[in-house]
Structure formats: structure tokens, C-alpha cells
PDB file of N, CA and C in Angstrom:
ATOM      1  N   MET A   1     -22.989   5.400  12.519  1.00  0.00           N
ATOM      2  CA  MET A   1     -22.500   5.464  11.161  1.00  0.00           C
ATOM      3  C   MET A   1     -21.017   5.123  11.157  1.00  0.00           C
ATOM      4  N   ILE A   2     -20.560   4.635  10.024  1.00  0.00           N
ATOM      5  CA  ILE A   2     -19.156   4.257   9.862  1.00  0.00           C
ATOM      6  C   ILE A   2     -18.520   5.186   8.826  1.00  0.00           C
ATOM      7  N   ILE A   3     -17.378   5.747   9.171  1.00  0.00           N
ATOM      8  CA  ILE A   3     -16.639   6.573   8.215  1.00  0.00           C
ATOM      9  C   ILE A   3     -15.211   6.023   8.121  1.00  0.00           C
ATOM     10  N   LYS A   4     -14.554   6.347   7.022  1.00  0.00           N
ATOM     11  CA  LYS A   4     -13.157   5.945   6.860  1.00  0.00           C
ATOM     12  C   LYS A   4     -12.308   7.203   6.865  1.00  0.00           C
ATOM     13  N   ALA A   5     -11.298   7.203   7.727  1.00  0.00           N
ATOM     14  CA  ALA A   5     -10.369   8.323   7.823  1.00  0.00           C
ATOM     15  C   ALA A   5      -9.015   7.873   7.308  1.00  0.00           C
ATOM     16  N   VAL A   6      -8.443   8.655   6.407  1.00  0.00           N
ATOM     17  CA  VAL A   6      -7.113   8.369   5.866  1.00  0.00           C
ATOM     18  C   VAL A   6      -6.183   9.472   6.348  1.00  0.00           C
ATOM     19  N   LEU A   7      -5.236   9.095   7.199  1.00  0.00           N
ATOM     20  CA  LEU A   7      -4.302  10.072   7.758  1.00  0.00           C
ATOM     21  C   LEU A   7      -3.094  10.201   6.855  1.00  0.00           C
ATOM     22  N   SER A   8      -2.843  11.418   6.390  1.00  0.00           N
ATOM     23  CA  SER A   8      -1.707  11.676   5.494  1.00  0.00           C
ATOM     24  C   SER A   8      -0.614  12.382   6.268  1.00  0.00           C
ATOM     25  N   PRO A   9       0.621  12.203   5.923  1.00  0.00           N
ATOM     26  CA  PRO A   9       1.126  11.557   4.715  1.00  0.00           C
ATOM     27  C   PRO A   9       1.317  10.044   4.869  1.00  0.00           C
ATOM     28  N   GLU A  10       1.041   9.487   6.061  1.00  0.00           N
ATOM     29  CA  GLU A  10       1.299   8.072   6.306  1.00  0.00           C
ATOM     30  C   GLU A  10       0.389   7.143   5.511  1.00  0.00           C
ATOM     31  N   LYS A  11      -0.744   7.652   5.039  1.00  0.00           N
ATOM     32  CA  LYS A  11      -1.768   6.848   4.358  1.00  0.00           C
ATOM     33  C   LYS A  11      -2.313   5.756   5.281  1.00  0.00           C
ATOM     34  N   ASN A  12      -2.353   6.066   6.566  1.00  0.00           N
ATOM     35  CA  ASN A  12      -2.879   5.166   7.580  1.00  0.00           C
ATOM     36  C   ASN A  12      -4.402   5.261   7.566  1.00  0.00           C
ATOM     37  N   GLU A  13      -5.101   4.163   7.251  1.00  0.00           N
ATOM     38  CA  GLU A  13      -6.566   4.164   7.157  1.00  0.00           C
ATOM     39  C   GLU A  13      -7.180   3.608   8.436  1.00  0.00           C
ATOM     40  N   LYS A  14      -8.248   4.269   8.886  1.00  0.00           N
ATOM     41  CA  LYS A  14      -8.977   3.813  10.062  1.00  0.00           C
ATOM     42  C   LYS A  14     -10.469   3.898   9.780  1.00  0.00           C
ATOM     43  N   LYS A  15     -11.198   2.849  10.157  1.00  0.00           N
ATOM     44  CA  LYS A  15     -12.660   2.897  10.106  1.00  0.00           C
ATOM     45  C   LYS A  15     -13.132   3.247  11.501  1.00  0.00           C
ATOM     46  N   ILE A  16     -14.039   4.224  11.553  1.00  0.00           N
ATOM     47  CA  ILE A  16     -14.498   4.754  12.832  1.00  0.00           C
ATOM     48  C   ILE A  16     -16.011   4.708  12.881  1.00  0.00           C
ATOM     49  N   GLU A  17     -16.539   4.274  14.012  1.00  0.00           N
ATOM     50  CA  GLU A  17     -17.990   4.307  14.210  1.00  0.00           C
ATOM     51  C   GLU A  17     -18.317   5.545  15.037  1.00  0.00           C
ATOM     52  N   LEU A  18     -19.206   6.374  14.492  1.00  0.00           N
ATOM     53  CA  LEU A  18     -19.634   7.604  15.160  1.00  0.00           C
ATOM     54  C   LEU A  18     -21.154   7.638  15.247  1.00  0.00           C
ATOM     55  N   LEU A  19     -21.662   8.458  16.145  1.00  0.00           N
ATOM     56  CA  LEU A  19     -23.106   8.655  16.251  1.00  0.00           C
ATOM     57  C   LEU A  19     -23.612   9.460  15.055  1.00  0.00           C
ATOM     58  N   GLU A  20     -24.884   9.276  14.726  1.00  0.00           N
ATOM     59  CA  GLU A  20     -25.495  10.091  13.668  1.00  0.00           C
ATOM     60  C   GLU A  20     -25.341  11.568  14.037  1.00  0.00           C
ATOM     61  N   ASN A  21     -25.232  12.420  13.037  1.00  0.00           N
ATOM     62  CA  ASN A  21     -25.065  13.869  13.203  1.00  0.00           C
ATOM     63  C   ASN A  21     -23.722  14.253  13.819  1.00  0.00           C
ATOM     64  N   SER A  22     -22.750  13.336  13.820  1.00  0.00           N
ATOM     65  CA  SER A  22     -21.415  13.688  14.301  1.00  0.00           C
ATOM     66  C   SER A  22     -20.748  14.631  13.304  1.00  0.00           C
ATOM     67  N   THR A  23     -19.816  15.412  13.817  1.00  0.00           N
ATOM     68  CA  THR A  23     -19.104  16.388  12.997  1.00  0.00           C
ATOM     69  C   THR A  23     -17.653  15.943  12.776  1.00  0.00           C
ATOM     70  N   ALA A  24     -16.971  16.688  11.929  1.00  0.00           N
ATOM     71  CA  ALA A  24     -15.551  16.424  11.717  1.00  0.00           C
ATOM     72  C   ALA A  24     -14.780  16.590  13.030  1.00  0.00           C
ATOM     73  N   LEU A  25     -15.195  17.530  13.853  1.00  0.00           N
ATOM     74  CA  LEU A  25     -14.552  17.724  15.156  1.00  0.00           C
ATOM     75  C   LEU A  25     -14.724  16.482  16.027  1.00  0.00           C
ATOM     76  N   ASP A  26     -15.912  15.891  16.040  1.00  0.00           N
ATOM     77  CA  ASP A  26     -16.146  14.660  16.804  1.00  0.00           C
ATOM     78  C   ASP A  26     -15.203  13.549  16.338  1.00  0.00           C
ATOM     79  N   MET A  27     -15.025  13.450  15.024  1.00  0.00           N
ATOM     80  CA  MET A  27     -14.145  12.429  14.472  1.00  0.00           C
ATOM     81  C   MET A  27     -12.692  12.665  14.918  1.00  0.00           C
ATOM     82  N   LEU A  28     -12.239  13.921  14.836  1.00  0.00           N
ATOM     83  CA  LEU A  28     -10.870  14.242  15.245  1.00  0.00           C
ATOM     84  C   LEU A  28     -10.656  13.933  16.727  1.00  0.00           C
ATOM     85  N   LYS A  29     -11.638  14.260  17.556  1.00  0.00           N
ATOM     86  CA  LYS A  29     -11.537  13.955  18.985  1.00  0.00           C
ATOM     87  C   LYS A  29     -11.474  12.443  19.202  1.00  0.00           C
ATOM     88  N   ASN A  30     -12.277  11.694  18.448  1.00  0.00           N
ATOM     89  CA  ASN A  30     -12.284  10.232  18.543  1.00  0.00           C
ATOM     90  C   ASN A  30     -10.908   9.656  18.219  1.00  0.00           C
ATOM     91  N   LEU A  31     -10.196  10.302  17.307  1.00  0.00           N
ATOM     92  CA  LEU A  31      -8.861   9.860  16.898  1.00  0.00           C
ATOM     93  C   LEU A  31      -7.747  10.481  17.746  1.00  0.00           C
ATOM     94  N   ASP A  32      -8.122  11.277  18.751  1.00  0.00           N
ATOM     95  CA  ASP A  32      -7.153  11.985  19.600  1.00  0.00           C
ATOM     96  C   ASP A  32      -6.242  12.896  18.785  1.00  0.00           C
ATOM     97  N   LEU A  33      -6.825  13.595  17.812  1.00  0.00           N
ATOM     98  CA  LEU A  33      -6.076  14.534  16.977  1.00  0.00           C
ATOM     99  C   LEU A  33      -6.484  15.958  17.323  1.00  0.00           C
ATOM    100  N   ASN A  34      -5.525  16.853  17.349  1.00  0.00           N
ATOM    101  CA  ASN A  34      -5.771  18.261  17.660  1.00  0.00           C
ATOM    102  C   ASN A  34      -6.378  18.951  16.440  1.00  0.00           C
ATOM    103  N   PRO A  35      -7.620  19.439  16.530  1.00  0.00           N
ATOM    104  CA  PRO A  35      -8.269  20.076  15.378  1.00  0.00           C
ATOM    105  C   PRO A  35      -7.586  21.368  14.925  1.00  0.00           C
ATOM    106  N   ASP A  36      -6.758  21.969  15.800  1.00  0.00           N
ATOM    107  CA  ASP A  36      -6.077  23.207  15.428  1.00  0.00           C
ATOM    108  C   ASP A  36      -4.960  22.993  14.418  1.00  0.00           C
ATOM    109  N   VAL A  37      -4.502  21.742  14.281  1.00  0.00           N
ATOM    110  CA  VAL A  37      -3.393  21.477  13.359  1.00  0.00           C
ATOM    111  C   VAL A  37      -3.765  20.447  12.287  1.00  0.00           C
ATOM    112  N   MET A  38      -5.073  20.250  12.069  1.00  0.00           N
ATOM    113  CA  MET A  38      -5.536  19.272  11.085  1.00  0.00           C
ATOM    114  C   MET A  38      -6.484  19.916  10.075  1.00  0.00           C
ATOM    115  N   ILE A  39      -6.406  19.440   8.848  1.00  0.00           N
ATOM    116  CA  ILE A  39      -7.372  19.820   7.816  1.00  0.00           C
ATOM    117  C   ILE A  39      -8.094  18.541   7.418  1.00  0.00           C
ATOM    118  N   VAL A  40      -9.427  18.607   7.396  1.00  0.00           N
ATOM    119  CA  VAL A  40     -10.239  17.455   6.997  1.00  0.00           C
ATOM    120  C   VAL A  40     -10.751  17.712   5.579  1.00  0.00           C
ATOM    121  N   ILE A  41     -10.569  16.722   4.721  1.00  0.00           N
ATOM    122  CA  ILE A  41     -10.934  16.872   3.307  1.00  0.00           C
ATOM    123  C   ILE A  41     -11.916  15.773   2.926  1.00  0.00           C
ATOM    124  N   ARG A  42     -13.018  16.186   2.281  1.00  0.00           N
ATOM    125  CA  ARG A  42     -14.007  15.242   1.750  1.00  0.00           C
ATOM    126  C   ARG A  42     -14.192  15.575   0.279  1.00  0.00           C
ATOM    127  N   ASN A  43     -14.083  14.571  -0.590  1.00  0.00           N
ATOM    128  CA  ASN A  43     -14.230  14.766  -2.038  1.00  0.00           C
ATOM    129  C   ASN A  43     -13.302  15.863  -2.557  1.00  0.00           C
ATOM    130  N   GLU A  44     -12.068  15.852  -2.069  1.00  0.00           N
ATOM    131  CA  GLU A  44     -11.018  16.784  -2.492  1.00  0.00           C
ATOM    132  C   GLU A  44     -11.288  18.242  -2.110  1.00  0.00           C
ATOM    133  N   VAL A  45     -12.226  18.456  -1.165  1.00  0.00           N
ATOM    134  CA  VAL A  45     -12.570  19.808  -0.716  1.00  0.00           C
ATOM    135  C   VAL A  45     -12.433  19.875   0.804  1.00  0.00           C
ATOM    136  N   PRO A  46     -11.670  20.841   1.338  1.00  0.00           N
ATOM    137  CA  PRO A  46     -11.583  20.997   2.790  1.00  0.00           C
ATOM    138  C   PRO A  46     -12.956  21.317   3.377  1.00  0.00           C
ATOM    139  N   ILE A  47     -13.233  20.739   4.539  1.00  0.00           N
ATOM    140  CA  ILE A  47     -14.506  21.021   5.208  1.00  0.00           C
ATOM    141  C   ILE A  47     -14.234  21.606   6.589  1.00  0.00           C
ATOM    142  N   PRO A  48     -15.149  22.447   7.104  1.00  0.00           N
ATOM    143  CA  PRO A  48     -14.971  22.995   8.453  1.00  0.00           C
ATOM    144  C   PRO A  48     -15.204  21.909   9.502  1.00  0.00           C
ATOM    145  N   VAL A  49     -14.634  22.092  10.684  1.00  0.00           N
ATOM    146  CA  VAL A  49     -14.765  21.073  11.720  1.00  0.00           C
ATOM    147  C   VAL A  49     -16.202  20.918  12.219  1.00  0.00           C
ATOM    148  N   ASP A  50     -17.052  21.915  11.985  1.00  0.00           N
ATOM    149  CA  ASP A  50     -18.442  21.783  12.427  1.00  0.00           C
ATOM    150  C   ASP A  50     -19.345  21.153  11.355  1.00  0.00           C
ATOM    151  N   GLU A  51     -18.743  20.707  10.254  1.00  0.00           N
ATOM    152  CA  GLU A  51     -19.491  20.052   9.170  1.00  0.00           C
ATOM    153  C   GLU A  51     -19.972  18.680   9.638  1.00  0.00           C
ATOM    154  N   LYS A  52     -21.268  18.402   9.418  1.00  0.00           N
ATOM    155  CA  LYS A  52     -21.810  17.089   9.777  1.00  0.00           C
ATOM    156  C   LYS A  52     -21.329  16.052   8.773  1.00  0.00           C
ATOM    157  N   LEU A  53     -20.992  14.884   9.297  1.00  0.00           N
ATOM    158  CA  LEU A  53     -20.516  13.794   8.462  1.00  0.00           C
ATOM    159  C   LEU A  53     -21.672  12.886   8.069  1.00  0.00           C
ATOM    160  N   LYS A  54     -21.443  12.099   7.022  1.00  0.00           N
ATOM    161  CA  LYS A  54     -22.457  11.167   6.523  1.00  0.00           C
ATOM    162  C   LYS A  54     -21.905   9.752   6.590  1.00  0.00           C
ATOM    163  N   ASP A  55     -22.809   8.799   6.736  1.00  0.00           N
ATOM    164  CA  ASP A  55     -22.411   7.401   6.752  1.00  0.00           C
ATOM    165  C   ASP A  55     -21.621   7.077   5.488  1.00  0.00           C
ATOM    166  N   LYS A  56     -20.542   6.343   5.654  1.00  0.00           N
ATOM    167  CA  LYS A  56     -19.664   5.895   4.566  1.00  0.00           C
ATOM    168  C   LYS A  56     -18.810   7.009   3.964  1.00  0.00           C
ATOM    169  N   ASP A  57     -18.725   8.165   4.634  1.00  0.00           N
ATOM    170  CA  ASP A  57     -17.802   9.210   4.180  1.00  0.00           C
ATOM    171  C   ASP A  57     -16.371   8.670   4.193  1.00  0.00           C
ATOM    172  N   VAL A  58     -15.593   9.115   3.226  1.00  0.00           N
ATOM    173  CA  VAL A  58     -14.155   8.853   3.210  1.00  0.00           C
ATOM    174  C   VAL A  58     -13.480  10.214   3.347  1.00  0.00           C
ATOM    175  N   LEU A  59     -12.742  10.380   4.432  1.00  0.00           N
ATOM    176  CA  LEU A  59     -12.143  11.670   4.751  1.00  0.00           C
ATOM    177  C   LEU A  59     -10.627  11.559   4.792  1.00  0.00           C
ATOM    178  N   ASN A  60      -9.967  12.505   4.181  1.00  0.00           N
ATOM    179  CA  ASN A  60      -8.513  12.607   4.270  1.00  0.00           C
ATOM    180  C   ASN A  60      -8.195  13.618   5.358  1.00  0.00           C
ATOM    181  N   ILE A  61      -7.262  13.265   6.213  1.00  0.00           N
ATOM    182  CA  ILE A  61      -6.851  14.152   7.304  1.00  0.00           C
ATOM    183  C   ILE A  61      -5.385  14.479   7.111  1.00  0.00           C
ATOM    184  N   ILE A  62      -5.117  15.779   7.014  1.00  0.00           N
ATOM    185  CA  ILE A  62      -3.754  16.242   6.762  1.00  0.00           C
ATOM    186  C   ILE A  62      -3.313  17.122   7.929  1.00  0.00           C
ATOM    187  N   ARG A  63      -2.127  16.833   8.442  1.00  0.00           N
ATOM    188  CA  ARG A  63      -1.556  17.646   9.511  1.00  0.00           C
ATOM    189  C   ARG A  63      -0.937  18.906   8.895  1.00  0.00           C
ATOM    190  N   VAL A  64      -1.261  20.056   9.458  1.00  0.00           N
ATOM    191  CA  VAL A  64      -0.718  21.330   8.998  1.00  0.00           C
ATOM    192  C   VAL A  64       0.663  21.509   9.606  1.00  0.00           C
ATOM    193  N   VAL A  65       1.620  21.849   8.769  1.00  0.00           N
ATOM    194  CA  VAL A  65       2.985  22.095   9.235  1.00  0.00           C
ATOM    195  C   VAL A  65       3.315  23.558   8.919  1.00  0.00           C
ATOM    196  N   SER A  66       3.825  24.251   9.917  1.00  0.00           N
ATOM    197  CA  SER A  66       4.205  25.637   9.682  1.00  0.00           C
ATOM    198  C   SER A  66       5.590  25.879  10.252  1.00  0.00           C
ATOM    199  N   GLY A  67       6.178  26.889   9.799  1.00  0.00           N
ATOM    200  CA  GLY A  67       7.517  27.220  10.282  1.00  0.00           C
ATOM    201  C   GLY A  67       8.122  28.299   9.411  1.00  0.00           C
ATOM    202  N   GLY A  68       9.308  28.635   9.697  1.00  0.00           N
ATOM    203  CA  GLY A  68       9.916  29.710   8.939  1.00  0.00           C
ATOM    204  C   GLY A  68      11.331  29.463   8.570  1.00  0.00           C
TER     205      GLY A  68
END
């Protein structure tokens, strides 16, 4: 399956080919992104990393920034 990942805030778009039944975690690993500091959003709703993805999904990936 093919999904589109949009990395924010850069708005860098990537098309990724994944196996059927892949999860958001699989996608993050494919992109070499640390799942502990990323939020994956589908249809304006955050999804858990164990959520299965669907062909032609468009996902926004936002890096979490924390500090004090």
C-alpha cells in the first residue's frame, strides 16, 4: 500500500510504500523517526502508533517539543 506522510512544520511530503496491515509505528520506523517524540494525525485526529493504516492514507506527522 502507498501512504503519504506530511512532516510538519516543514511541510515535507513523502510517499511511502508499506506492507498491508502496517501500523503508524511501522511508518515512523520506515522514516527513521522516533515514535516517542512524534504525533501521527489522520483526518485531523491523532491516532495511536498501533493503529493500522489504509492504502492512500494521508498522514500528518508532528514533532512534539517540550521544555520549560
